[in-house]
C-alpha atoms as a PDB file:
ATOM      1  CA  UNK A   1       9.608  -3.757   5.402  1.00  0.00           C
ATOM      2  CA  UNK A   2      10.976  -1.009   7.702  1.00  0.00           C
ATOM      3  CA  UNK A   3      13.942   1.228   7.395  1.00  0.00           C
ATOM      4  CA  UNK A   4      16.467   0.889  10.252  1.00  0.00           C
ATOM      5  CA  UNK A   5      18.836   3.566   9.048  1.00  0.00           C
ATOM      6  CA  UNK A   6      21.262   4.910   6.324  1.00  0.00           C
ATOM      7  CA  UNK A   7      24.852   4.567   5.744  1.00  0.00           C
ATOM      8  CA  UNK A   8      26.408   7.943   4.662  1.00  0.00           C
ATOM      9  CA  UNK A   9      28.341   7.871   1.302  1.00  0.00           C
ATOM     10  CA  UNK A  10      29.266  10.582  -1.082  1.00  0.00           C
ATOM     11  CA  UNK A  11      27.909   8.875  -4.202  1.00  0.00           C
ATOM     12  CA  UNK A  12      25.366   6.178  -3.216  1.00  0.00           C
ATOM     13  CA  UNK A  13      22.249   6.227  -1.322  1.00  0.00           C
ATOM     14  CA  UNK A  14      22.526   3.365   1.126  1.00  0.00           C
ATOM     15  CA  UNK A  15      19.471   2.192   3.114  1.00  0.00           C
ATOM     16  CA  UNK A  16      19.467  -0.537   5.766  1.00  0.00           C
ATOM     17  CA  UNK A  17      16.155  -2.356   5.867  1.00  0.00           C
ATOM     18  CA  UNK A  18      14.597  -5.120   7.959  1.00  0.00           C
ATOM     19  CA  UNK A  19      11.853  -7.573   7.057  1.00  0.00           C
ATOM     20  CA  UNK A  20      11.010 -11.078   8.382  1.00  0.00           C
ATOM     21  CA  UNK A  21      14.138 -11.237  10.466  1.00  0.00           C
ATOM     22  CA  UNK A  22      16.311 -10.386   7.555  1.00  0.00           C
ATOM     23  CA  UNK A  23      18.488  -7.367   7.215  1.00  0.00           C
ATOM     24  CA  UNK A  24      18.992  -5.788   3.631  1.00  0.00           C
ATOM     25  CA  UNK A  25      21.541  -3.427   2.534  1.00  0.00           C
ATOM     26  CA  UNK A  26      20.127  -1.510  -0.503  1.00  0.00           C
ATOM     27  CA  UNK A  27      22.514   0.629  -2.553  1.00  0.00           C
ATOM     28  CA  UNK A  28      21.174   3.077  -5.149  1.00  0.00           C
ATOM     29  CA  UNK A  29      23.158   4.884  -7.864  1.00  0.00           C
ATOM     30  CA  UNK A  30      20.812   6.832 -10.071  1.00  0.00           C
ATOM     31  CA  UNK A  31      18.396   4.377 -11.797  1.00  0.00           C
ATOM     32  CA  UNK A  32      20.457   1.314 -10.737  1.00  0.00           C
ATOM     33  CA  UNK A  33      20.128  -0.580  -7.382  1.00  0.00           C
ATOM     34  CA  UNK A  34      21.890  -3.430  -5.679  1.00  0.00           C
ATOM     35  CA  UNK A  35      20.503  -5.262  -2.618  1.00  0.00           C
ATOM     36  CA  UNK A  36      22.328  -7.545  -0.219  1.00  0.00           C
ATOM     37  CA  UNK A  37      20.102  -9.619   2.057  1.00  0.00           C
ATOM     38  CA  UNK A  38      21.427 -11.317   5.197  1.00  0.00           C
ATOM     39  CA  UNK A  39      19.557 -13.947   7.217  1.00  0.00           C
ATOM     40  CA  UNK A  40      19.283 -13.837  10.905  1.00  0.00           C
ATOM     41  CA  UNK A  41      22.612 -14.782  12.446  1.00  0.00           C
ATOM     42  CA  UNK A  42      24.604 -13.890   9.465  1.00  0.00           C
ATOM     43  CA  UNK A  43      27.502 -11.313   9.242  1.00  0.00           C
ATOM     44  CA  UNK A  44      24.996  -8.442   9.282  1.00  0.00           C
ATOM     45  CA  UNK A  45      22.366  -8.391  12.057  1.00  0.00           C
ATOM     46  CA  UNK A  46      21.758  -4.794  12.964  1.00  0.00           C
ATOM     47  CA  UNK A  47      22.655  -1.244  11.901  1.00  0.00           C
ATOM     48  CA  UNK A  48      26.090  -1.383  13.419  1.00  0.00           C
ATOM     49  CA  UNK A  49      27.136  -4.456  11.706  1.00  0.00           C
ATOM     50  CA  UNK A  50      25.683  -3.251   8.411  1.00  0.00           C
ATOM     51  CA  UNK A  51      27.813   0.041   8.662  1.00  0.00           C
ATOM     52  CA  UNK A  52      30.790  -2.107   9.461  1.00  0.00           C
ATOM     53  CA  UNK A  53      30.182  -4.351   6.505  1.00  0.00           C
ATOM     54  CA  UNK A  54      30.116  -1.407   4.150  1.00  0.00           C
ATOM     55  CA  UNK A  55      33.810  -0.899   3.980  1.00  0.00           C
ATOM     56  CA  UNK A  56      36.188   0.219   1.174  1.00  0.00           C
ATOM     57  CA  UNK A  57      36.669  -3.278  -0.099  1.00  0.00           C
ATOM     58  CA  UNK A  58      32.932  -3.825  -0.432  1.00  0.00           C
ATOM     59  CA  UNK A  59      32.473  -0.499  -2.223  1.00  0.00           C
ATOM     60  CA  UNK A  60      35.243  -1.468  -4.640  1.00  0.00           C
ATOM     61  CA  UNK A  61      33.076  -4.581  -5.628  1.00  0.00           C
ATOM     62  CA  UNK A  62      29.869  -2.489  -5.603  1.00  0.00           C
ATOM     63  CA  UNK A  63      31.434  -0.061  -8.070  1.00  0.00           C
ATOM     64  CA  UNK A  64      32.435  -2.950 -10.317  1.00  0.00           C
ATOM     65  CA  UNK A  65      28.871  -4.308 -10.249  1.00  0.00           C
ATOM     66  CA  UNK A  66      27.305  -0.876 -11.086  1.00  0.00           C
ATOM     67  CA  UNK A  67      29.844  -0.466 -14.020  1.00  0.00           C
ATOM     68  CA  UNK A  68      28.754  -3.799 -15.394  1.00  0.00           C
ATOM     69  CA  UNK A  69      25.041  -3.035 -14.825  1.00  0.00           C
ATOM     70  CA  UNK A  70      25.411   0.220 -16.719  1.00  0.00           C
ATOM     71  CA  UNK A  71      27.228  -1.377 -19.564  1.00  0.00           C
ATOM     72  CA  UNK A  72      24.468  -4.074 -19.754  1.00  0.00           C
ATOM     73  CA  UNK A  73      21.891  -1.448 -19.806  1.00  0.00           C
ATOM     74  CA  UNK A  74      23.501   0.559 -22.641  1.00  0.00           C
ATOM     75  CA  UNK A  75      24.012  -2.612 -24.702  1.00  0.00           C
ATOM     76  CA  UNK A  76      20.441  -3.720 -24.382  1.00  0.00           C
ATOM     77  CA  UNK A  77      19.312  -0.185 -25.292  1.00  0.00           C
ATOM     78  CA  UNK A  78      21.429  -0.217 -28.425  1.00  0.00           C
ATOM     79  CA  UNK A  79      19.988  -3.625 -29.445  1.00  0.00           C
ATOM     80  CA  UNK A  80      16.502  -2.309 -29.084  1.00  0.00           C
ATOM     81  CA  UNK A  81      17.144   0.865 -31.158  1.00  0.00           C
ATOM     82  CA  UNK A  82      18.736  -1.005 -34.026  1.00  0.00           C
ATOM     83  CA  UNK A  83      16.350  -3.970 -33.952  1.00  0.00           C
ATOM     84  CA  UNK A  84      12.941  -4.162 -35.759  1.00  0.00           C
ATOM     85  CA  UNK A  85      10.344  -1.499 -34.823  1.00  0.00           C
ATOM     86  CA  UNK A  86       7.483  -3.244 -33.079  1.00  0.00           C
ATOM     87  CA  UNK A  87       5.226  -0.311 -33.927  1.00  0.00           C
ATOM     88  CA  UNK A  88       3.885   0.304 -37.500  1.00  0.00           C
ATOM     89  CA  UNK A  89       4.746   3.577 -39.178  1.00  0.00           C
ATOM     90  CA  UNK A  90       1.647   5.640 -39.954  1.00  0.00           C
ATOM     91  CA  UNK A  91       1.744   8.322 -42.528  1.00  0.00           C
END
């Protein structure tokens, strides 16, 4: 996998990657990450089309997904804290 470029954004780290004739747009927000992969001949085929793909409408959806991912992570963490402790208590 090789890095083709980055898309500037004030909040997210956005990297454009290429591997096996596929372009991937990888978006990171702290510990969370979303990846969008495009086959050869799809809407995204190079850096210019990847940058164009990353418009305001796209980032509205990205934000919604990150919000849901964060909520899922918090809920899973709360379940594991309130559940049975898998480690024995030693005195």
